[in-house]
Amino acid sequence: MINVLTALQKSTKFLEEKNIESPRMNAELLLADILKCNRLDLYLSFDRPLKDNEADLYREFIIRRSKFEPLQYITGMVEFLDLKLHLTKDVLIPRPETELLAEETINFAKSKNSQNILDVGTGSGNISIALAKHLNGVNITSIDISIAAIALAKQNAEYNEIKNSVNFEVADIFNYKPLQKFDLVISNPPYVSKENFSTLQKEIIDYEPAEAVTDNSDGLKFYRYIIENSDLLLKEKGYLIFEFAEGQSDQIKALMEKNNFNLIKIIKDYQNIERIVIGEKR
């Protein structure tokens, strides 16, 4: 019977041989998930023997990770700000950059008393649920073209005890006709260009939904449409907030200026890369 320490050592070596980044951390996180503990607890339990079912499941998890399947899809959960979210291969894995987007939007919405918010391309529901958790009295409309994504987002809202403040809808932004205009529209749309998609990590190309990663165009398709059709979505002096890819800020800012946005602000992420834009519709 294998113990925790030996299982971690063997798994780390195996993942390292398969060129998995941060093999020890991956080995620890996967085993901690199976044992329902945190990583520190593993270090206090090195001599603990794994039960046969635990060892079998761990072996399965390590093999899946060795094939570059993202850890979050294997465990089926992800942390986002102070939330825990269920995750499937139907949706994009939330990134730290999008945590920053949510934080900036929460602070901004509080400062402007934004009541009616539209989240375009909700995926797992991470942004909408975070906003609903931290903003009082808001009404959030959360749309995605994927039926599976909306089903998962609803599950995550219920799991995080979000009751009536978010309305999830299956809808395509390119023919979306809202019943009302919004104080604020937020989106982390597919922003990888068709040209750059093949250069991404194997984990992304092979496992994450391509339609949530790339617009199969120049990377600006969603920004261009939302900005150019902002009169249909935003109230007078309403705001757009986007996450975008490195190197896109000048083009997005120019699109916003061309379509009567002002007070445009660019925010850098934790790696000092321009990542978020906020603008007011005149």
Protein backbone atom coordinates (compact mmCIF):
# COMPACT_ATOMS: atom_id res chain seq x y z
CA MET A 1 0.00 0.00 0.00
CA ILE A 2 1.48 3.34 -1.12
CA ASN A 3 1.63 6.29 1.27
CA VAL A 4 1.14 10.00 0.59
CA LEU A 5 4.83 10.88 0.29
CA THR A 6 5.65 8.05 -2.12
CA ALA A 7 2.58 8.82 -4.22
CA LEU A 8 3.61 12.47 -4.49
CA GLN A 9 7.22 11.63 -5.36
CA LYS A 10 6.29 9.16 -8.09
CA SER A 11 3.58 11.40 -9.54
CA THR A 12 5.84 14.45 -9.57
CA LYS A 13 8.53 12.53 -11.44
CA PHE A 14 5.97 11.19 -13.94
CA LEU A 15 4.50 14.63 -14.64
CA GLU A 16 7.96 16.15 -14.95
CA GLU A 17 8.85 13.54 -17.58
CA LYS A 18 5.70 14.51 -19.48
CA ASN A 19 6.76 18.19 -19.47
CA ILE A 20 3.91 19.36 -17.27
CA GLU A 21 4.62 22.77 -15.80
CA SER A 22 4.90 22.83 -11.97
CA PRO A 23 4.69 19.04 -11.62
CA ARG A 24 4.96 18.96 -7.81
CA MET A 25 2.23 21.52 -7.33
CA ASN A 26 -0.04 19.64 -9.74
CA ALA A 27 0.63 16.36 -7.95
CA GLU A 28 -0.15 17.92 -4.59
CA LEU A 29 -3.33 19.68 -5.70
CA LEU A 30 -4.75 16.56 -7.31
CA LEU A 31 -4.05 14.42 -4.27
CA ALA A 32 -5.40 17.08 -1.91
CA ASP A 33 -8.61 17.13 -3.93
CA ILE A 34 -9.02 13.36 -3.59
CA LEU A 35 -8.27 13.39 0.15
CA LYS A 36 -10.48 16.47 0.71
CA CYS A 37 -7.74 18.46 2.38
CA ASN A 38 -5.44 21.37 1.58
CA ARG A 39 -1.85 21.09 0.37
CA LEU A 40 -0.40 21.83 3.82
CA ASP A 41 -2.30 18.89 5.28
CA LEU A 42 -0.43 16.59 2.89
CA TYR A 43 2.86 17.57 4.51
CA LEU A 44 1.46 16.56 7.87
CA SER A 45 0.28 13.20 6.51
CA PHE A 46 3.25 11.85 4.53
CA ASP A 47 3.01 8.44 6.21
CA ARG A 48 -0.72 8.08 5.67
CA PRO A 49 -1.43 5.08 3.42
CA LEU A 50 -3.77 5.61 0.47
CA LYS A 51 -6.80 3.39 0.28
CA ASP A 52 -7.10 1.35 -2.90
CA ASN A 53 -9.88 3.54 -4.29
CA GLU A 54 -7.89 6.70 -3.48
CA ALA A 55 -4.77 5.34 -5.18
CA ASP A 56 -6.78 4.27 -8.23
CA LEU A 57 -8.46 7.65 -8.58
CA TYR A 58 -5.15 9.47 -8.06
CA ARG A 59 -3.56 7.36 -10.78
CA GLU A 60 -6.41 8.28 -13.12
CA PHE A 61 -6.07 11.99 -12.30
CA ILE A 62 -2.29 11.96 -12.87
CA ILE A 63 -2.67 10.22 -16.23
CA ARG A 64 -5.26 12.77 -17.32
CA ARG A 65 -2.99 15.64 -16.27
CA SER A 66 -0.05 14.03 -18.09
CA LYS A 67 -2.09 14.39 -21.28
CA PHE A 68 -2.31 18.15 -20.59
CA GLU A 69 -5.90 18.14 -19.41
CA PRO A 70 -6.19 21.21 -17.15
CA LEU A 71 -6.23 20.52 -13.45
CA GLN A 72 -9.46 22.49 -12.99
CA TYR A 73 -11.34 20.22 -15.40
CA ILE A 74 -10.01 17.15 -13.60
CA THR A 75 -11.15 18.31 -10.16
CA GLY A 76 -14.30 19.93 -11.55
CA MET A 77 -13.89 23.00 -9.35
CA VAL A 78 -12.16 26.36 -9.48
CA GLU A 79 -11.72 29.24 -7.03
CA PHE A 80 -12.58 32.73 -8.22
CA LEU A 81 -12.16 35.59 -5.77
CA ASP A 82 -14.00 34.32 -2.69
CA LEU A 83 -16.17 31.91 -4.67
CA LYS A 84 -15.95 28.21 -5.42
CA LEU A 85 -17.35 27.30 -8.81
CA HIS A 86 -18.15 24.04 -10.54
CA LEU A 87 -16.35 23.71 -13.84
CA THR A 88 -16.78 21.61 -16.98
CA LYS A 89 -15.15 21.55 -20.41
CA ASP A 90 -18.13 23.54 -21.71
CA VAL A 91 -16.67 26.76 -20.31
CA LEU A 92 -13.41 28.68 -20.15
CA ILE A 93 -11.32 28.33 -17.00
CA PRO A 94 -11.44 31.67 -15.10
CA ARG A 95 -8.04 33.39 -14.95
CA PRO A 96 -6.49 35.78 -12.41
CA GLU A 97 -6.87 38.58 -14.96
CA THR A 98 -10.62 38.08 -14.87
CA GLU A 99 -10.57 38.22 -11.07
CA LEU A 100 -9.05 41.68 -11.52
CA LEU A 101 -11.81 42.54 -14.02
CA ALA A 102 -14.46 41.52 -11.48
CA GLU A 103 -12.77 43.45 -8.65
CA GLU A 104 -12.45 46.62 -10.74
CA THR A 105 -16.07 46.31 -11.85
CA ILE A 106 -17.33 45.83 -8.30
CA ASN A 107 -15.52 48.98 -7.14
CA PHE A 108 -16.58 50.94 -10.21
CA ALA A 109 -20.23 49.88 -9.99
CA LYS A 110 -20.30 50.93 -6.32
CA SER A 111 -18.87 54.35 -7.18
CA LYS A 112 -21.45 54.90 -9.95
CA ASN A 113 -24.36 53.16 -8.22
CA SER A 114 -24.87 50.98 -11.29
CA GLN A 115 -28.10 49.02 -10.83
CA ASN A 116 -28.68 47.23 -14.13
CA ILE A 117 -25.74 45.28 -15.51
CA LEU A 118 -25.26 43.08 -18.58
CA ASP A 119 -22.60 40.34 -18.58
CA VAL A 120 -21.83 39.20 -22.14
CA GLY A 121 -20.45 35.66 -22.46
CA THR A 122 -20.94 34.52 -18.88
CA GLY A 123 -19.37 31.05 -19.18
CA SER A 124 -19.26 29.55 -15.67
CA GLY A 125 -21.10 32.62 -14.34
CA ASN A 126 -18.00 33.72 -12.45
CA ILE A 127 -18.27 37.45 -13.16
CA SER A 128 -22.01 37.76 -12.65
CA ILE A 129 -21.97 35.74 -9.43
CA ALA A 130 -19.04 37.76 -8.05
CA LEU A 131 -20.85 41.02 -8.82
CA ALA A 132 -24.09 39.77 -7.27
CA LYS A 133 -22.20 38.65 -4.16
CA HIS A 134 -20.57 42.04 -3.60
CA LEU A 135 -23.11 44.56 -4.90
CA ASN A 136 -26.39 45.33 -3.16
CA GLY A 137 -29.61 45.82 -5.07
CA VAL A 138 -28.25 45.06 -8.53
CA ASN A 139 -30.08 43.36 -11.38
CA ILE A 140 -27.72 41.42 -13.61
CA THR A 141 -28.58 39.94 -16.99
CA SER A 142 -26.08 37.25 -17.87
CA ILE A 143 -26.01 35.88 -21.42
CA ASP A 144 -24.12 33.18 -23.26
CA ILE A 145 -24.68 31.44 -26.59
CA SER A 146 -23.97 28.05 -24.98
CA ILE A 147 -26.90 26.18 -23.42
CA ALA A 148 -24.44 24.08 -21.38
CA ALA A 149 -22.68 27.21 -20.08
CA ILE A 150 -25.93 28.78 -18.91
CA ALA A 151 -26.94 25.56 -17.17
CA LEU A 152 -23.59 25.48 -15.35
CA ALA A 153 -23.79 29.19 -14.47
CA LYS A 154 -27.23 28.63 -12.91
CA GLN A 155 -25.81 25.72 -10.91
CA ASN A 156 -22.95 27.89 -9.69
CA ALA A 157 -25.30 30.70 -8.71
CA GLU A 158 -27.35 28.28 -6.62
CA TYR A 159 -24.20 26.75 -5.12
CA ASN A 160 -23.05 30.23 -4.03
CA GLU A 161 -26.51 31.13 -2.71
CA ILE A 162 -27.27 33.79 -5.31
CA LYS A 163 -31.05 34.05 -5.39
CA ASN A 164 -32.84 36.55 -7.60
CA SER A 165 -30.27 39.16 -8.62
CA VAL A 166 -28.99 37.36 -11.75
CA ASN A 167 -31.09 36.37 -14.76
CA PHE A 168 -29.25 33.85 -16.96
CA GLU A 169 -30.28 33.73 -20.62
CA VAL A 170 -29.18 31.72 -23.63
CA ALA A 171 -28.53 34.46 -26.19
CA ASP A 172 -26.15 35.44 -28.99
CA ILE A 173 -24.87 38.98 -28.55
CA PHE A 174 -24.79 39.41 -32.33
CA ASN A 175 -28.59 39.31 -32.52
CA TYR A 176 -29.45 40.15 -28.92
CA LYS A 177 -32.33 42.59 -28.45
CA PRO A 178 -32.56 43.52 -24.75
CA LEU A 179 -35.85 44.56 -23.19
CA GLN A 180 -34.05 47.36 -21.36
CA LYS A 181 -30.86 49.39 -21.57
CA PHE A 182 -28.15 48.93 -18.99
CA ASP A 183 -26.07 51.15 -16.72
CA LEU A 184 -23.04 48.97 -17.32
CA VAL A 185 -22.02 46.26 -19.78
CA ILE A 186 -19.14 43.97 -18.87
CA SER A 187 -17.50 41.31 -20.98
CA ASN A 188 -14.47 39.06 -21.17
CA PRO A 189 -15.12 37.94 -24.76
CA PRO A 190 -13.13 35.56 -26.97
CA TYR A 191 -10.16 37.75 -27.88
CA VAL A 192 -7.52 35.45 -29.36
CA SER A 193 -7.20 35.95 -33.09
CA LYS A 194 -7.48 33.07 -35.54
CA GLU A 195 -3.82 33.64 -36.41
CA ASN A 196 -2.63 33.36 -32.79
CA PHE A 197 -4.82 30.47 -31.67
CA SER A 198 -2.36 27.78 -32.79
CA THR A 199 0.39 29.35 -30.63
CA LEU A 200 -1.48 28.82 -27.35
CA GLN A 201 -0.71 26.22 -24.68
CA LYS A 202 -1.68 22.64 -25.38
CA GLU A 203 -4.05 22.72 -22.40
CA ILE A 204 -6.05 25.50 -24.06
CA ILE A 205 -6.03 24.20 -27.63
CA ASP A 206 -6.91 20.61 -26.76
CA TYR A 207 -9.36 21.12 -23.88
CA GLU A 208 -10.90 24.55 -23.49
CA PRO A 209 -13.87 25.42 -25.76
CA ALA A 210 -12.43 27.15 -28.81
CA GLU A 211 -15.47 29.39 -29.19
CA ALA A 212 -14.73 30.86 -25.75
CA VAL A 213 -11.07 31.52 -26.63
CA THR A 214 -10.97 32.79 -30.21
CA ASP A 215 -13.35 34.85 -32.31
CA ASN A 216 -11.99 33.02 -35.38
CA SER A 217 -11.18 36.45 -36.80
CA ASP A 218 -8.83 39.28 -35.83
CA GLY A 219 -9.49 39.08 -32.07
CA LEU A 220 -11.62 42.23 -32.09
CA LYS A 221 -14.91 40.91 -33.47
CA PHE A 222 -16.82 41.05 -30.17
CA TYR A 223 -15.40 44.42 -29.10
CA ARG A 224 -16.20 45.94 -32.46
CA TYR A 225 -19.81 44.74 -32.42
CA ILE A 226 -20.55 45.64 -28.80
CA ILE A 227 -18.95 49.09 -29.10
CA GLU A 228 -20.61 49.89 -32.44
CA ASN A 229 -24.01 48.73 -31.16
CA SER A 230 -23.67 50.20 -27.69
CA ASP A 231 -26.70 52.47 -28.26
CA LEU A 232 -28.85 49.32 -28.13
CA LEU A 233 -27.30 48.18 -24.86
CA LEU A 234 -26.35 51.21 -22.80
CA LYS A 235 -28.25 54.03 -21.21
CA GLU A 236 -26.99 57.56 -21.77
CA LYS A 237 -23.73 57.85 -19.81
CA GLY A 238 -23.63 54.11 -19.35
CA TYR A 239 -20.32 52.29 -19.18
CA LEU A 240 -18.52 49.51 -21.00
CA ILE A 241 -15.91 47.42 -19.18
CA PHE A 242 -13.83 44.88 -21.12
CA GLU A 243 -10.98 42.51 -20.52
CA PHE A 244 -8.70 42.21 -23.55
CA ALA A 245 -5.51 40.59 -24.78
CA GLU A 246 -2.03 42.02 -24.57
CA GLY A 247 -1.48 44.46 -27.42
CA GLN A 248 -5.16 45.22 -28.11
CA SER A 249 -5.59 48.34 -25.97
CA ASP A 250 -4.85 50.93 -28.67
CA GLN A 251 -7.30 49.39 -31.15
CA ILE A 252 -10.07 49.04 -28.58
CA LYS A 253 -9.55 52.56 -27.29
CA ALA A 254 -9.71 53.88 -30.86
CA LEU A 255 -12.95 51.98 -31.47
CA MET A 256 -14.45 53.47 -28.35
CA GLU A 257 -13.38 57.01 -29.19
CA LYS A 258 -14.81 56.63 -32.71
CA ASN A 259 -18.16 55.59 -31.20
CA ASN A 260 -18.56 58.47 -28.76
CA PHE A 261 -17.01 57.05 -25.61
CA ASN A 262 -15.02 59.27 -23.30
CA LEU A 263 -13.40 59.08 -19.87
CA ILE A 264 -11.63 56.01 -21.21
CA LYS A 265 -9.38 54.36 -18.64
CA ILE A 266 -6.90 51.52 -19.22
CA ILE A 267 -5.99 49.31 -16.24
CA LYS A 268 -2.92 47.06 -16.05
CA ASP A 269 -2.96 43.55 -14.63
CA TYR A 270 -0.70 42.00 -12.00
CA GLN A 271 2.08 41.57 -14.57
CA ASN A 272 1.90 45.24 -15.60
CA ILE A 273 0.15 44.38 -18.90
CA GLU A 274 -2.70 46.58 -20.13
CA ARG A 275 -5.72 44.34 -19.61
CA ILE A 276 -8.95 46.21 -18.79
CA VAL A 277 -10.71 49.19 -20.34
CA ILE A 278 -13.54 51.31 -18.95
CA GLY A 279 -15.36 53.93 -20.99
CA GLU A 280 -18.47 56.13 -20.71
CA LYS A 281 -20.99 56.41 -23.54
CA ARG A 282 -21.68 60.03 -24.37
